[in-house]
PDB file of all heavy atoms in Angstrom:
ATOM      1  N   PHE A   1      65.317  21.207  39.736  1.00  0.00           N
ATOM      2  CA  PHE A   1      66.522  20.486  39.318  1.00  0.00           C
ATOM      3  C   PHE A   1      67.683  20.673  40.328  1.00  0.00           C
ATOM      4  O   PHE A   1      68.534  19.820  40.441  1.00  0.00           O
ATOM      5  CB  PHE A   1      66.964  20.925  37.919  1.00  0.00           C
ATOM      6  CG  PHE A   1      67.804  22.149  37.861  1.00  0.00           C
ATOM      7  CD1 PHE A   1      69.188  22.072  37.787  1.00  0.00           C
ATOM      8  CD2 PHE A   1      67.230  23.404  37.866  1.00  0.00           C
ATOM      9  CE1 PHE A   1      69.961  23.213  37.722  1.00  0.00           C
ATOM     10  CE2 PHE A   1      67.996  24.543  37.786  1.00  0.00           C
ATOM     11  CZ  PHE A   1      69.364  24.469  37.723  1.00  0.00           C
ATOM     12  N   ILE A   2      67.624  21.749  41.110  1.00  0.00           N
ATOM     13  CA  ILE A   2      68.635  21.968  42.151  1.00  0.00           C
ATOM     14  C   ILE A   2      68.521  20.873  43.188  1.00  0.00           C
ATOM     15  O   ILE A   2      69.520  20.251  43.594  1.00  0.00           O
ATOM     16  CB  ILE A   2      68.504  23.354  42.780  1.00  0.00           C
ATOM     17  CG1 ILE A   2      68.776  24.470  41.725  1.00  0.00           C
ATOM     18  CG2 ILE A   2      69.426  23.510  43.985  1.00  0.00           C
ATOM     19  CD1 ILE A   2      68.477  25.877  42.228  1.00  0.00           C
ATOM     20  N   GLY A   3      67.315  20.604  43.619  1.00  0.00           N
ATOM     21  CA  GLY A   3      67.118  19.542  44.611  1.00  0.00           C
ATOM     22  C   GLY A   3      67.468  18.170  44.051  1.00  0.00           C
ATOM     23  O   GLY A   3      68.044  17.333  44.756  1.00  0.00           O
ATOM     24  N   ARG A   4      67.138  17.956  42.790  1.00  0.00           N
ATOM     25  CA  ARG A   4      67.425  16.652  42.161  1.00  0.00           C
ATOM     26  C   ARG A   4      68.916  16.430  42.005  1.00  0.00           C
ATOM     27  O   ARG A   4      69.366  15.278  42.099  1.00  0.00           O
ATOM     28  CB  ARG A   4      66.723  16.549  40.827  1.00  0.00           C
ATOM     29  CG  ARG A   4      65.192  16.483  40.955  1.00  0.00           C
ATOM     30  CD  ARG A   4      64.527  16.570  39.598  1.00  0.00           C
ATOM     31  NE  ARG A   4      63.034  16.630  39.782  1.00  0.00           N
ATOM     32  CZ  ARG A   4      62.235  17.018  38.811  1.00  0.00           C
ATOM     33  NH1 ARG A   4      62.697  17.388  37.630  1.00  0.00           N
ATOM     34  NH2 ARG A   4      60.950  17.058  39.038  1.00  0.00           N
ATOM     35  N   LEU A   5      69.675  17.467  41.810  1.00  0.00           N
ATOM     36  CA  LEU A   5      71.110  17.347  41.682  1.00  0.00           C
ATOM     37  C   LEU A   5      71.806  17.290  43.038  1.00  0.00           C
ATOM     38  O   LEU A   5      72.950  16.931  43.143  1.00  0.00           O
ATOM     39  CB  LEU A   5      71.709  18.541  40.899  1.00  0.00           C
ATOM     40  CG  LEU A   5      71.467  18.526  39.407  1.00  0.00           C
ATOM     41  CD1 LEU A   5      71.865  19.863  38.805  1.00  0.00           C
ATOM     42  CD2 LEU A   5      72.183  17.384  38.734  1.00  0.00           C
ATOM     43  N   SER A   6      71.083  17.667  44.102  1.00  0.00           N
ATOM     44  CA  SER A   6      71.631  17.714  45.426  1.00  0.00           C
ATOM     45  C   SER A   6      71.050  16.563  46.268  1.00  0.00           C
ATOM     46  O   SER A   6      71.212  15.396  45.918  1.00  0.00           O
ATOM     47  CB  SER A   6      71.361  19.079  46.045  1.00  0.00           C
ATOM     48  OG  SER A   6      71.975  19.181  47.304  1.00  0.00           O
ATOM     49  N   ALA A   7      70.386  16.879  47.351  1.00  0.00           N
ATOM     50  CA  ALA A   7      69.886  15.856  48.260  1.00  0.00           C
ATOM     51  C   ALA A   7      68.373  15.834  48.375  1.00  0.00           C
ATOM     52  O   ALA A   7      67.845  15.423  49.407  1.00  0.00           O
ATOM     53  CB  ALA A   7      70.518  16.057  49.647  1.00  0.00           C
ATOM     54  N   GLY A   8      67.708  16.352  47.331  1.00  0.00           N
ATOM     55  CA  GLY A   8      66.245  16.325  47.322  1.00  0.00           C
ATOM     56  C   GLY A   8      65.606  17.377  48.226  1.00  0.00           C
ATOM     57  O   GLY A   8      64.481  17.204  48.666  1.00  0.00           O
ATOM     58  N   GLU A   9      66.292  18.475  48.473  1.00  0.00           N
ATOM     59  CA  GLU A   9      65.781  19.494  49.370  1.00  0.00           C
ATOM     60  C   GLU A   9      64.469  20.096  48.863  1.00  0.00           C
ATOM     61  O   GLU A   9      64.213  20.184  47.668  1.00  0.00           O
ATOM     62  CB  GLU A   9      66.787  20.654  49.517  1.00  0.00           C
ATOM     63  CG  GLU A   9      68.115  20.246  50.163  1.00  0.00           C
ATOM     64  CD  GLU A   9      69.143  19.784  49.166  1.00  0.00           C
ATOM     65  OE1 GLU A   9      68.784  19.551  47.983  1.00  0.00           O
ATOM     66  OE2 GLU A   9      70.315  19.622  49.555  1.00  0.00           O
ATOM     67  N   GLU A  10      63.623  20.555  49.809  1.00  0.00           N
ATOM     68  CA  GLU A  10      62.383  21.269  49.485  1.00  0.00           C
ATOM     69  C   GLU A  10      62.775  22.663  48.945  1.00  0.00           C
ATOM     70  O   GLU A  10      63.895  23.162  49.190  1.00  0.00           O
ATOM     71  CB  GLU A  10      61.522  21.390  50.703  1.00  0.00           C
ATOM     72  CG  GLU A  10      60.922  20.081  51.182  1.00  0.00           C
ATOM     73  CD  GLU A  10      60.089  19.422  50.124  1.00  0.00           C
ATOM     74  OE1 GLU A  10      59.177  20.116  49.558  1.00  0.00           O
ATOM     75  OE2 GLU A  10      60.306  18.231  49.822  1.00  0.00           O
ATOM     76  N   PRO A  11      61.828  23.301  48.181  1.00  0.00           N
ATOM     77  CA  PRO A  11      62.194  24.572  47.534  1.00  0.00           C
ATOM     78  C   PRO A  11      62.859  25.617  48.410  1.00  0.00           C
ATOM     79  O   PRO A  11      63.860  26.217  48.038  1.00  0.00           O
ATOM     80  CB  PRO A  11      60.825  25.051  47.016  1.00  0.00           C
ATOM     81  CG  PRO A  11      60.095  23.776  46.707  1.00  0.00           C
ATOM     82  CD  PRO A  11      60.488  22.855  47.799  1.00  0.00           C
ATOM     83  N   LYS A  12      62.359  25.826  49.610  1.00  0.00           N
ATOM     84  CA  LYS A  12      62.920  26.903  50.460  1.00  0.00           C
ATOM     85  C   LYS A  12      64.264  26.518  51.056  1.00  0.00           C
ATOM     86  O   LYS A  12      64.946  27.366  51.666  1.00  0.00           O
ATOM     87  CB  LYS A  12      61.925  27.260  51.562  1.00  0.00           C
ATOM     88  CG  LYS A  12      60.692  27.963  51.007  1.00  0.00           C
ATOM     89  CD  LYS A  12      59.705  28.368  52.098  1.00  0.00           C
ATOM     90  CE  LYS A  12      58.471  29.068  51.480  1.00  0.00           C
ATOM     91  NZ  LYS A  12      57.495  29.483  52.500  1.00  0.00           N
ATOM     92  N   ASP A  13      64.704  25.289  50.833  1.00  0.00           N
ATOM     93  CA  ASP A  13      66.034  24.849  51.302  1.00  0.00           C
ATOM     94  C   ASP A  13      67.022  24.756  50.157  1.00  0.00           C
ATOM     95  O   ASP A  13      68.075  24.101  50.292  1.00  0.00           O
ATOM     96  CB  ASP A  13      65.910  23.501  52.006  1.00  0.00           C
ATOM     97  CG  ASP A  13      65.115  23.574  53.287  1.00  0.00           C
ATOM     98  OD1 ASP A  13      65.238  24.594  53.990  1.00  0.00           O
ATOM     99  OD2 ASP A  13      64.321  22.646  53.575  1.00  0.00           O
ATOM    100  N   ARG A  14      66.733  25.391  49.023  1.00  0.00           N
ATOM    101  CA  ARG A  14      67.602  25.341  47.844  1.00  0.00           C
ATOM    102  C   ARG A  14      68.340  26.647  47.623  1.00  0.00           C
ATOM    103  O   ARG A  14      68.749  26.993  46.496  1.00  0.00           O
ATOM    104  CB  ARG A  14      66.802  25.010  46.602  1.00  0.00           C
ATOM    105  CG  ARG A  14      66.140  23.613  46.663  1.00  0.00           C
ATOM    106  CD  ARG A  14      65.185  23.422  45.492  1.00  0.00           C
ATOM    107  NE  ARG A  14      64.370  22.180  45.655  1.00  0.00           N
ATOM    108  CZ  ARG A  14      63.235  21.943  45.029  1.00  0.00           C
ATOM    109  NH1 ARG A  14      62.742  22.854  44.171  1.00  0.00           N
ATOM    110  NH2 ARG A  14      62.574  20.845  45.252  1.00  0.00           N
ATOM    111  N   VAL A  15      68.563  27.425  48.679  1.00  0.00           N
ATOM    112  CA  VAL A  15      69.184  28.717  48.554  1.00  0.00           C
ATOM    113  C   VAL A  15      70.628  28.599  48.057  1.00  0.00           C
ATOM    114  O   VAL A  15      71.052  29.307  47.150  1.00  0.00           O
ATOM    115  CB  VAL A  15      69.149  29.495  49.874  1.00  0.00           C
ATOM    116  CG1 VAL A  15      69.834  30.873  49.734  1.00  0.00           C
ATOM    117  CG2 VAL A  15      67.721  29.662  50.367  1.00  0.00           C
ATOM    118  N   ALA A  16      71.386  27.702  48.630  1.00  0.00           N
ATOM    119  CA  ALA A  16      72.799  27.547  48.236  1.00  0.00           C
ATOM    120  C   ALA A  16      72.928  27.191  46.785  1.00  0.00           C
ATOM    121  O   ALA A  16      73.757  27.769  46.042  1.00  0.00           O
ATOM    122  CB  ALA A  16      73.480  26.500  49.110  1.00  0.00           C
ATOM    123  N   GLY A  17      72.143  26.238  46.300  1.00  0.00           N
ATOM    124  CA  GLY A  17      72.198  25.899  44.906  1.00  0.00           C
ATOM    125  C   GLY A  17      71.749  27.052  43.997  1.00  0.00           C
ATOM    126  O   GLY A  17      72.307  27.241  42.921  1.00  0.00           O
ATOM    127  N   SER A  18      70.771  27.789  44.444  1.00  0.00           N
ATOM    128  CA  SER A  18      70.321  28.974  43.678  1.00  0.00           C
ATOM    129  C   SER A  18      71.441  29.981  43.564  1.00  0.00           C
ATOM    130  O   SER A  18      71.635  30.591  42.486  1.00  0.00           O
ATOM    131  CB  SER A  18      69.094  29.611  44.345  1.00  0.00           C
ATOM    132  OG  SER A  18      68.033  28.690  44.464  1.00  0.00           O
ATOM    133  N   LEU A  19      72.151  30.222  44.650  1.00  0.00           N
ATOM    134  CA  LEU A  19      73.251  31.173  44.633  1.00  0.00           C
ATOM    135  C   LEU A  19      74.396  30.711  43.717  1.00  0.00           C
ATOM    136  O   LEU A  19      75.030  31.518  43.051  1.00  0.00           O
ATOM    137  CB  LEU A  19      73.767  31.420  46.035  1.00  0.00           C
ATOM    138  CG  LEU A  19      72.832  32.137  47.005  1.00  0.00           C
ATOM    139  CD1 LEU A  19      73.448  32.237  48.386  1.00  0.00           C
ATOM    140  CD2 LEU A  19      72.500  33.535  46.479  1.00  0.00           C
ATOM    141  N   ALA A  20      74.648  29.397  43.713  1.00  0.00           N
ATOM    142  CA  ALA A  20      75.697  28.894  42.836  1.00  0.00           C
ATOM    143  C   ALA A  20      75.371  29.206  41.374  1.00  0.00           C
ATOM    144  O   ALA A  20      76.231  29.613  40.602  1.00  0.00           O
ATOM    145  CB  ALA A  20      75.845  27.368  43.030  1.00  0.00           C
ATOM    146  N   CYS A  21      74.106  28.996  41.024  1.00  0.00           N
ATOM    147  CA  CYS A  21      73.702  29.308  39.623  1.00  0.00           C
ATOM    148  C   CYS A  21      73.754  30.798  39.334  1.00  0.00           C
ATOM    149  O   CYS A  21      74.189  31.212  38.258  1.00  0.00           O
ATOM    150  CB  CYS A  21      72.271  28.800  39.391  1.00  0.00           C
ATOM    151  SG  CYS A  21      72.078  27.001  39.439  1.00  0.00           S
ATOM    152  N   ALA A  22      73.345  31.624  40.305  1.00  0.00           N
ATOM    153  CA  ALA A  22      73.369  33.066  40.090  1.00  0.00           C
ATOM    154  C   ALA A  22      74.785  33.576  39.916  1.00  0.00           C
ATOM    155  O   ALA A  22      75.072  34.388  39.028  1.00  0.00           O
ATOM    156  CB  ALA A  22      72.691  33.769  41.271  1.00  0.00           C
ATOM    157  N   LEU A  23      75.713  33.126  40.738  1.00  0.00           N
ATOM    158  CA  LEU A  23      77.111  33.571  40.622  1.00  0.00           C
ATOM    159  C   LEU A  23      77.740  33.114  39.300  1.00  0.00           C
ATOM    160  O   LEU A  23      78.478  33.851  38.687  1.00  0.00           O
ATOM    161  CB  LEU A  23      77.944  33.049  41.802  1.00  0.00           C
ATOM    162  CG  LEU A  23      77.648  33.728  43.139  1.00  0.00           C
ATOM    163  CD1 LEU A  23      78.321  32.988  44.279  1.00  0.00           C
ATOM    164  CD2 LEU A  23      78.081  35.184  43.091  1.00  0.00           C
ATOM    165  N   ASP A  24      77.384  31.937  38.848  1.00  0.00           N
ATOM    166  CA  ASP A  24      77.867  31.448  37.548  1.00  0.00           C
ATOM    167  C   ASP A  24      77.323  32.378  36.450  1.00  0.00           C
ATOM    168  O   ASP A  24      78.023  32.741  35.518  1.00  0.00           O
ATOM    169  CB  ASP A  24      77.458  30.006  37.337  1.00  0.00           C
ATOM    170  CG  ASP A  24      78.009  29.466  36.014  1.00  0.00           C
ATOM    171  OD1 ASP A  24      79.231  29.322  35.893  1.00  0.00           O
ATOM    172  OD2 ASP A  24      77.182  29.207  35.095  1.00  0.00           O
ATOM    173  N   GLY A  25      76.055  32.704  36.541  1.00  0.00           N
ATOM    174  CA  GLY A  25      75.445  33.610  35.572  1.00  0.00           C
ATOM    175  C   GLY A  25      76.110  34.973  35.567  1.00  0.00           C
ATOM    176  O   GLY A  25      76.355  35.579  34.509  1.00  0.00           O
TER     177      GLY A  25
END
């Protein structure tokens, strides 16, 4: 869902979106 909300990045290129979710948590 991170890629779908962004620019369709492959899994290993979703670090920034993963960090955004982690910091919110």
